[in-house]
């Protein structure tokens, strides 16, 4: 056990991959697996007024989401934000079934991600989302990913989406009722 902890410590500080035989240690010693984790003793400070935000994702970080540095790899942040996107779109009326039936889709044309705090194996997280603005053919929204234990903002992404005609593969106006819902929610 002492040898395994030594290998784990070396891997964390030397930025080398962990041998498969000791990867399980992350499950039983989460603070060792993520040495830069800073837990808040109290408080659940959110960065934005929650009245405008809705919960669009709840989940956890699994060990296979983590990279050689012991924290969730960037590809998983993007995947979880993508799942939240489907929920915010459905909340404004752009459900997958409606988009298929009416022949339109929403495509991401720009995305900016800010990584604020690490998330490690075993962490529970919540994504809250809000529509920032809508124009005739585009929509901008924000997702905020927080660590449930600490209340800290772990990551934030701003996404710009464009409504397209699925047959023509060209931009088209957003349906009027969706624009109205977005206008009412701002």
Protein backbone atom coordinates (compact mmCIF):
# COMPACT_ATOMS: atom_id res chain seq x y z
CA UNK A 1 0.00 0.00 0.00
CA UNK A 2 2.81 2.42 0.84
CA UNK A 3 4.48 1.69 -2.49
CA UNK A 4 1.20 2.35 -4.33
CA UNK A 5 0.77 5.71 -2.58
CA UNK A 6 4.34 6.64 -3.50
CA UNK A 7 3.71 5.79 -7.16
CA UNK A 8 0.48 7.79 -7.04
CA UNK A 9 2.21 10.82 -5.52
CA UNK A 10 4.99 10.64 -8.11
CA UNK A 11 2.47 10.39 -10.93
CA UNK A 12 0.50 13.39 -9.66
CA UNK A 13 3.45 15.69 -9.29
CA UNK A 14 5.52 14.47 -12.22
CA UNK A 15 2.52 14.52 -14.62
CA UNK A 16 3.02 10.94 -15.78
CA UNK A 17 0.20 8.46 -16.37
CA UNK A 18 -0.69 6.18 -13.50
CA UNK A 19 -0.02 2.48 -13.93
CA UNK A 20 -3.27 0.51 -14.31
CA UNK A 21 -2.62 -1.35 -11.05
CA UNK A 22 -2.97 1.81 -8.95
CA UNK A 23 -5.72 3.70 -10.80
CA UNK A 24 -8.25 2.29 -8.34
CA UNK A 25 -6.63 4.46 -5.65
CA UNK A 26 -8.46 7.47 -7.09
CA UNK A 27 -11.74 5.93 -5.97
CA UNK A 28 -10.68 5.41 -2.37
CA UNK A 29 -8.44 8.46 -1.90
CA UNK A 30 -10.05 11.26 -3.92
CA UNK A 31 -8.03 14.00 -2.23
CA UNK A 32 -4.81 12.22 -3.15
CA UNK A 33 -5.99 11.81 -6.70
CA UNK A 34 -6.70 15.53 -7.05
CA UNK A 35 -4.18 17.40 -4.88
CA UNK A 36 -5.21 20.89 -5.97
CA UNK A 37 -8.82 20.42 -4.95
CA UNK A 38 -9.99 23.28 -2.76
CA UNK A 39 -13.15 22.58 -0.88
CA UNK A 40 -15.18 25.37 0.65
CA UNK A 41 -16.21 24.76 4.22
CA UNK A 42 -19.41 26.78 3.84
CA UNK A 43 -21.35 28.66 1.22
CA UNK A 44 -22.76 27.77 -2.14
CA UNK A 45 -21.96 30.97 -4.06
CA UNK A 46 -23.28 30.99 -7.60
CA UNK A 47 -22.08 33.50 -10.13
CA UNK A 48 -25.43 34.35 -11.68
CA UNK A 49 -28.95 35.05 -10.49
CA UNK A 50 -30.72 31.70 -10.49
CA UNK A 51 -34.09 33.18 -11.45
CA UNK A 52 -32.89 33.28 -15.08
CA UNK A 53 -31.17 29.88 -15.02
CA UNK A 54 -32.70 26.40 -15.21
CA UNK A 55 -31.09 23.09 -14.30
CA UNK A 56 -30.22 21.32 -17.53
CA UNK A 57 -27.90 18.55 -16.33
CA UNK A 58 -27.07 16.60 -13.16
CA UNK A 59 -24.37 13.99 -13.10
CA UNK A 60 -21.10 12.82 -11.68
CA UNK A 61 -17.48 12.44 -12.69
CA UNK A 62 -16.48 8.83 -13.23
CA UNK A 63 -12.86 7.63 -12.97
CA UNK A 64 -12.69 7.06 -16.75
CA UNK A 65 -13.51 10.78 -17.24
CA UNK A 66 -10.19 11.68 -15.60
CA UNK A 67 -6.88 12.19 -17.34
CA UNK A 68 -3.30 11.55 -16.22
CA UNK A 69 -3.44 14.64 -13.97
CA UNK A 70 -6.34 13.24 -11.95
CA UNK A 71 -9.06 15.64 -13.04
CA UNK A 72 -11.88 15.46 -15.57
CA UNK A 73 -10.55 15.73 -19.12
CA UNK A 74 -11.78 18.60 -21.30
CA UNK A 75 -13.63 16.29 -23.70
CA UNK A 76 -16.05 15.36 -20.91
CA UNK A 77 -16.81 19.00 -20.08
CA UNK A 78 -17.82 19.53 -23.70
CA UNK A 79 -19.94 16.35 -23.68
CA UNK A 80 -21.79 17.32 -20.51
CA UNK A 81 -22.37 20.85 -21.85
CA UNK A 82 -23.75 19.29 -25.04
CA UNK A 83 -26.26 17.24 -23.02
CA UNK A 84 -27.30 20.43 -21.21
CA UNK A 85 -27.77 22.14 -24.58
CA UNK A 86 -30.48 19.66 -25.58
CA UNK A 87 -32.35 20.45 -22.37
CA UNK A 88 -32.22 24.25 -22.79
CA UNK A 89 -33.33 23.91 -26.42
CA UNK A 90 -36.26 21.71 -25.39
CA UNK A 91 -37.19 24.25 -22.69
CA UNK A 92 -37.66 26.94 -25.35
CA UNK A 93 -39.59 24.60 -27.66
CA UNK A 94 -36.88 23.19 -29.94
CA UNK A 95 -37.30 19.52 -29.07
CA UNK A 96 -35.58 16.86 -31.19
CA UNK A 97 -38.92 15.49 -32.41
CA UNK A 98 -40.12 18.94 -33.44
CA UNK A 99 -36.88 19.72 -35.27
CA UNK A 100 -37.13 16.42 -37.19
CA UNK A 101 -40.82 16.95 -38.02
CA UNK A 102 -40.37 20.56 -39.16
CA UNK A 103 -37.02 20.04 -40.90
CA UNK A 104 -34.89 22.48 -38.93
CA UNK A 105 -31.95 22.14 -36.62
CA UNK A 106 -29.70 24.22 -34.44
CA UNK A 107 -25.96 24.02 -34.97
CA UNK A 108 -23.22 25.40 -32.75
CA UNK A 109 -21.08 27.88 -34.65
CA UNK A 110 -19.09 29.29 -31.74
CA UNK A 111 -18.26 28.10 -28.24
CA UNK A 112 -16.06 29.64 -25.56
CA UNK A 113 -15.20 27.59 -22.47
CA UNK A 114 -13.66 28.85 -19.24
CA UNK A 115 -12.26 26.23 -16.88
CA UNK A 116 -12.39 27.62 -13.32
CA UNK A 117 -11.91 24.67 -10.92
CA UNK A 118 -11.01 21.02 -11.24
CA UNK A 119 -13.57 18.26 -11.04
CA UNK A 120 -12.33 14.84 -9.95
CA UNK A 121 -13.64 11.28 -9.86
CA UNK A 122 -16.64 11.05 -7.56
CA UNK A 123 -17.59 14.75 -7.76
CA UNK A 124 -21.27 15.47 -8.32
CA UNK A 125 -22.07 18.33 -10.65
CA UNK A 126 -24.96 20.41 -11.88
CA UNK A 127 -25.24 22.51 -15.02
CA UNK A 128 -27.57 25.50 -15.05
CA UNK A 129 -28.31 27.25 -18.33
CA UNK A 130 -29.87 30.43 -19.58
CA UNK A 131 -30.63 31.98 -22.96
CA UNK A 132 -28.79 35.29 -23.28
CA UNK A 133 -30.20 36.56 -26.56
CA UNK A 134 -32.03 35.51 -29.67
CA UNK A 135 -31.97 37.03 -33.11
CA UNK A 136 -33.89 36.10 -36.23
CA UNK A 137 -31.65 33.13 -37.08
CA UNK A 138 -29.39 32.68 -34.05
CA UNK A 139 -29.44 32.16 -30.31
CA UNK A 140 -26.79 32.65 -27.62
CA UNK A 141 -26.88 30.83 -24.31
CA UNK A 142 -24.65 30.13 -21.34
CA UNK A 143 -24.05 26.99 -19.30
CA UNK A 144 -22.52 27.07 -15.81
CA UNK A 145 -21.16 23.82 -14.33
CA UNK A 146 -20.87 23.77 -10.54
CA UNK A 147 -19.44 21.29 -8.06
CA UNK A 148 -22.36 20.23 -5.84
CA UNK A 149 -20.17 19.72 -2.75
CA UNK A 150 -18.43 23.09 -2.82
CA UNK A 151 -20.83 25.27 -4.79
CA UNK A 152 -17.85 26.46 -6.81
CA UNK A 153 -18.14 27.26 -10.48
CA UNK A 154 -16.08 24.58 -12.25
CA UNK A 155 -16.59 25.69 -15.85
CA UNK A 156 -18.65 28.04 -17.95
CA UNK A 157 -19.38 28.05 -21.66
CA UNK A 158 -20.98 30.56 -23.99
CA UNK A 159 -22.53 29.02 -27.11
CA UNK A 160 -23.84 30.63 -30.28
CA UNK A 161 -26.21 28.49 -32.30
CA UNK A 162 -27.69 29.08 -35.74
CA UNK A 163 -31.00 27.70 -36.95
CA UNK A 164 -30.65 25.84 -40.25
CA UNK A 165 -32.95 24.23 -42.78
CA UNK A 166 -31.95 20.54 -42.69
CA UNK A 167 -32.69 19.97 -46.40
CA UNK A 168 -31.05 23.12 -47.80
CA UNK A 169 -28.29 23.17 -45.13
CA UNK A 170 -28.59 26.97 -44.93
CA UNK A 171 -29.53 29.37 -42.16
CA UNK A 172 -33.23 30.02 -41.72
CA UNK A 173 -35.31 32.00 -39.20
CA UNK A 174 -36.08 30.47 -35.82
CA UNK A 175 -39.76 29.53 -35.41
CA UNK A 176 -41.79 32.46 -34.09
CA UNK A 177 -43.03 30.70 -30.95
CA UNK A 178 -39.45 29.90 -29.93
CA UNK A 179 -38.44 33.54 -30.37
CA UNK A 180 -41.44 34.54 -28.23
CA UNK A 181 -40.54 32.07 -25.46
CA UNK A 182 -36.98 33.33 -25.41
CA UNK A 183 -38.18 36.95 -25.36
CA UNK A 184 -40.44 36.23 -22.39
CA UNK A 185 -37.71 34.44 -20.44
CA UNK A 186 -35.21 37.32 -20.63
